[in-house]
Amino acid sequence: MKMITGFFAGLGSVMMAVIPVSILWFVLTGGSVYGVDVIANLTSLVNDFGTGGFTGLVVLLVVMSFFVKK
């Protein structure tokens, strides 16, 4: 179990490193990364949290708790 959680923790940290690089790539070149428009997806996610009202705020706090180092 420890090996599996370590694997997913490592995978999560790699993905968190890829997101800023893909945003920078989109800003510099204007092209998508592997066919994914990162800016549009992040904009949609933020809009969904914003239009969700109190529920959106609670979900945003839960999601943010996953990324805060303890």
Protein backbone atom coordinates (compact mmCIF):
# COMPACT_ATOMS: atom_id res chain seq x y z
CA MET A 1 0.00 0.00 0.00
CA LYS A 2 2.88 2.33 0.81
CA MET A 3 4.36 1.73 -2.64
CA ILE A 4 1.07 2.54 -4.37
CA THR A 5 0.52 5.76 -2.42
CA GLY A 6 4.14 6.75 -3.10
CA PHE A 7 3.63 6.15 -6.80
CA PHE A 8 0.52 8.33 -6.93
CA ALA A 9 2.19 11.04 -4.85
CA GLY A 10 5.07 11.08 -7.33
CA LEU A 11 2.70 11.11 -10.27
CA GLY A 12 0.81 14.02 -8.72
CA SER A 13 3.99 16.01 -8.22
CA VAL A 14 5.00 15.41 -11.85
CA MET A 15 1.60 16.60 -13.05
CA MET A 16 1.82 19.70 -10.85
CA ALA A 17 5.17 20.46 -12.52
CA VAL A 18 3.75 19.94 -16.01
CA ILE A 19 0.88 22.42 -15.59
CA PRO A 20 3.03 25.59 -15.28
CA VAL A 21 5.25 24.44 -18.14
CA SER A 22 2.23 23.85 -20.38
CA ILE A 23 0.82 27.29 -19.48
CA LEU A 24 4.15 28.88 -20.35
CA TRP A 25 4.25 26.91 -23.62
CA PHE A 26 0.76 28.15 -24.53
CA VAL A 27 1.67 31.77 -23.74
CA LEU A 28 4.91 31.66 -25.73
CA THR A 29 3.73 29.70 -28.76
CA GLY A 30 -0.06 30.01 -28.74
CA GLY A 31 -0.35 26.28 -29.39
CA SER A 32 -1.89 23.55 -27.34
CA VAL A 33 0.13 20.89 -25.55
CA TYR A 34 -0.68 17.36 -26.73
CA GLY A 35 -3.98 18.62 -28.12
CA VAL A 36 -5.11 20.03 -24.75
CA ASP A 37 -5.92 23.73 -24.40
CA VAL A 38 -4.71 24.28 -20.83
CA ILE A 39 -5.80 27.91 -20.57
CA ALA A 40 -9.37 27.14 -21.69
CA ASN A 41 -9.60 24.24 -19.26
CA LEU A 42 -8.33 26.32 -16.32
CA THR A 43 -10.68 29.18 -17.25
CA SER A 44 -13.61 26.77 -17.37
CA LEU A 45 -12.65 25.29 -14.01
CA VAL A 46 -12.43 28.71 -12.35
CA ASN A 47 -15.76 29.75 -13.89
CA ASP A 48 -17.41 26.57 -12.64
CA PHE A 49 -16.17 27.25 -9.10
CA GLY A 50 -17.37 30.86 -9.38
CA THR A 51 -20.87 30.01 -10.57
CA GLY A 52 -21.21 27.22 -8.02
CA GLY A 53 -21.92 29.64 -5.17
CA PHE A 54 -21.35 28.23 -1.70
CA THR A 55 -21.00 24.68 -3.04
CA GLY A 56 -18.32 25.85 -5.47
CA LEU A 57 -16.46 27.51 -2.61
CA VAL A 58 -16.57 24.35 -0.50
CA VAL A 59 -15.37 22.20 -3.42
CA LEU A 60 -12.58 24.70 -4.15
CA LEU A 61 -11.41 24.52 -0.53
CA VAL A 62 -11.45 20.72 -0.61
CA VAL A 63 -9.46 20.64 -3.85
CA MET A 64 -6.98 23.19 -2.50
CA SER A 65 -6.46 21.10 0.62
CA PHE A 66 -4.99 18.36 -1.57
CA PHE A 67 -2.26 20.68 -2.83
CA VAL A 68 -1.23 22.35 0.44
CA LYS A 69 1.87 20.83 2.04
CA LYS A 70 1.30 19.80 5.63
